[in-house]
Amino acid sequence: QVHLVESGGGLVQPGASLRLSCAASGPSISTSAVSWFRQSPGKEREFVAGISWTAGATIYANSARGRVTISRDNAKNTVYLQMNNLKPEDTAVYYCAARDWTVQTTPRDYNYWGQGTQVTVSS
């Protein structure tokens, strides 16, 4: 099992930056992949970025590439999502999710989820 808690969201202006954190714990974390998803009202949950806990291999959604960096701190059991040059279309609830070993890009492939953190980008 993996327990996940997100933090770091908030209300920011377009062009601003945020760093989201996902604190992970549980007996399966050492063999997990952790990813960030986002969901806006009326839309399906969307993959943003993912990372293998041990190998550090990363994958990014095309919409996020260039503005987003995912990283991990194994000692702190935390995965980060650094987001730069935020745009109104980035407004969503951001969730972290975990599965065994390999990063996948669809929500149905993940069986552990945090509660989400709200990111609002508005003037």
Protein backbone atom coordinates (compact mmCIF):
# COMPACT_ATOMS: atom_id res chain seq x y z
CA GLN A 1 0.00 0.00 0.00
CA VAL A 2 1.01 3.60 -0.66
CA HIS A 3 -0.41 6.62 1.14
CA LEU A 4 -0.16 9.96 -0.68
CA VAL A 5 -0.72 13.53 0.49
CA GLU A 6 -0.50 16.51 -1.88
CA SER A 7 0.28 20.09 -0.94
CA GLY A 8 1.46 23.34 -2.50
CA GLY A 9 -1.51 24.47 -4.54
CA GLY A 10 -3.01 27.93 -4.43
CA LEU A 11 -4.22 30.97 -6.34
CA VAL A 12 -1.59 32.54 -8.60
CA GLN A 13 -1.36 35.01 -11.46
CA PRO A 14 -0.66 33.90 -15.03
CA GLY A 15 3.08 33.50 -15.51
CA ALA A 16 3.70 32.57 -11.89
CA SER A 17 5.30 29.37 -10.61
CA LEU A 18 4.27 26.74 -8.09
CA ARG A 19 5.91 23.67 -6.65
CA LEU A 20 3.54 20.92 -5.65
CA SER A 21 4.59 18.22 -3.21
CA CYS A 22 3.41 14.65 -2.85
CA ALA A 23 4.45 13.00 0.39
CA ALA A 24 4.42 9.22 0.10
CA SER A 25 4.53 6.45 2.65
CA GLY A 26 3.74 2.77 2.96
CA PRO A 27 5.31 -0.62 2.38
CA SER A 28 5.15 -0.47 -1.44
CA ILE A 29 6.78 2.92 -2.02
CA SER A 30 10.20 1.49 -2.87
CA THR A 31 8.81 -0.25 -5.97
CA SER A 32 6.32 2.42 -7.02
CA ALA A 33 5.95 4.89 -9.81
CA VAL A 34 4.34 8.20 -8.86
CA SER A 35 2.56 10.52 -11.26
CA TRP A 36 0.69 13.80 -11.24
CA PHE A 37 -2.74 14.13 -12.79
CA ARG A 38 -5.08 17.08 -12.97
CA GLN A 39 -8.80 17.46 -13.36
CA SER A 40 -10.88 20.52 -14.19
CA PRO A 41 -14.64 20.72 -13.66
CA GLY A 42 -16.47 18.83 -16.38
CA LYS A 43 -13.31 17.26 -17.79
CA GLU A 44 -11.66 13.89 -17.45
CA ARG A 45 -8.64 13.41 -15.26
CA GLU A 46 -5.50 14.17 -17.29
CA PHE A 47 -1.93 12.93 -16.96
CA VAL A 48 0.70 15.61 -16.34
CA ALA A 49 3.97 13.87 -15.44
CA GLY A 50 5.29 10.71 -13.81
CA ILE A 51 8.47 9.35 -12.28
CA SER A 52 9.81 5.96 -11.22
CA TRP A 53 10.61 6.01 -7.52
CA THR A 54 13.86 4.08 -7.81
CA ALA A 55 15.13 4.59 -11.36
CA GLY A 56 14.03 8.19 -11.73
CA ALA A 57 12.79 7.73 -15.28
CA THR A 58 10.31 10.45 -16.18
CA ILE A 59 7.52 10.99 -18.66
CA TYR A 60 5.65 14.20 -19.45
CA ALA A 61 2.43 15.09 -21.15
CA ASN A 62 2.96 17.13 -24.29
CA SER A 63 1.03 20.01 -22.77
CA ALA A 64 3.37 20.09 -19.77
CA ARG A 65 6.72 19.63 -21.46
CA GLY A 66 8.94 22.68 -21.15
CA ARG A 67 7.03 24.23 -18.25
CA VAL A 68 6.90 21.34 -15.79
CA THR A 69 9.56 19.31 -14.03
CA ILE A 70 8.88 16.25 -11.91
CA SER A 71 11.47 15.11 -9.39
CA ARG A 72 11.80 13.02 -6.26
CA ASP A 73 13.64 13.08 -2.97
CA ASN A 74 13.99 9.49 -1.84
CA ALA A 75 15.18 10.43 1.62
CA LYS A 76 12.08 12.55 2.20
CA ASN A 77 9.74 10.16 0.37
CA THR A 78 8.43 13.11 -1.61
CA VAL A 79 7.73 13.74 -5.28
CA TYR A 80 7.64 17.31 -6.55
CA LEU A 81 6.00 18.97 -9.50
CA GLN A 82 7.61 22.29 -10.39
CA MET A 83 5.32 24.31 -12.64
CA ASN A 84 6.48 27.50 -14.35
CA ASN A 85 4.74 30.08 -16.52
CA LEU A 86 1.34 28.95 -15.36
CA LYS A 87 -1.64 29.63 -17.58
CA PRO A 88 -5.37 29.84 -16.87
CA GLU A 89 -5.84 26.48 -18.58
CA ASP A 90 -3.62 24.94 -15.89
CA THR A 91 -6.38 25.57 -13.36
CA ALA A 92 -7.40 22.22 -11.91
CA VAL A 93 -7.25 19.96 -8.91
CA TYR A 94 -3.87 18.27 -9.04
CA TYR A 95 -3.59 14.71 -7.74
CA CYS A 96 -0.66 12.44 -7.19
CA ALA A 97 -1.08 8.73 -7.78
CA ALA A 98 1.02 5.60 -7.38
CA ARG A 99 1.29 2.21 -8.99
CA ASP A 100 3.86 -0.57 -9.17
CA TRP A 101 7.17 0.16 -10.92
CA THR A 102 6.30 1.66 -14.31
CA VAL A 103 4.81 5.05 -15.10
CA GLN A 104 1.56 4.86 -17.04
CA THR A 105 -0.50 7.74 -18.38
CA THR A 106 -4.09 6.69 -17.72
CA PRO A 107 -5.84 7.08 -14.35
CA ARG A 108 -7.23 3.54 -14.42
CA ASP A 109 -3.68 2.16 -14.17
CA TYR A 110 -3.20 3.69 -10.71
CA ASN A 111 -4.60 2.20 -7.56
CA TYR A 112 -3.39 4.70 -4.94
CA TRP A 113 -4.44 8.35 -4.94
CA GLY A 114 -4.05 11.43 -2.83
CA GLN A 115 -6.89 13.82 -2.08
CA GLY A 116 -5.71 16.55 -4.44
CA THR A 117 -4.58 20.15 -4.18
CA GLN A 118 -6.29 23.04 -5.97
CA VAL A 119 -4.32 25.16 -8.42
CA THR A 120 -6.06 28.27 -9.71
CA VAL A 121 -4.41 30.53 -12.28
CA SER A 122 -6.33 33.77 -12.71
CA SER A 123 -5.87 37.50 -13.15
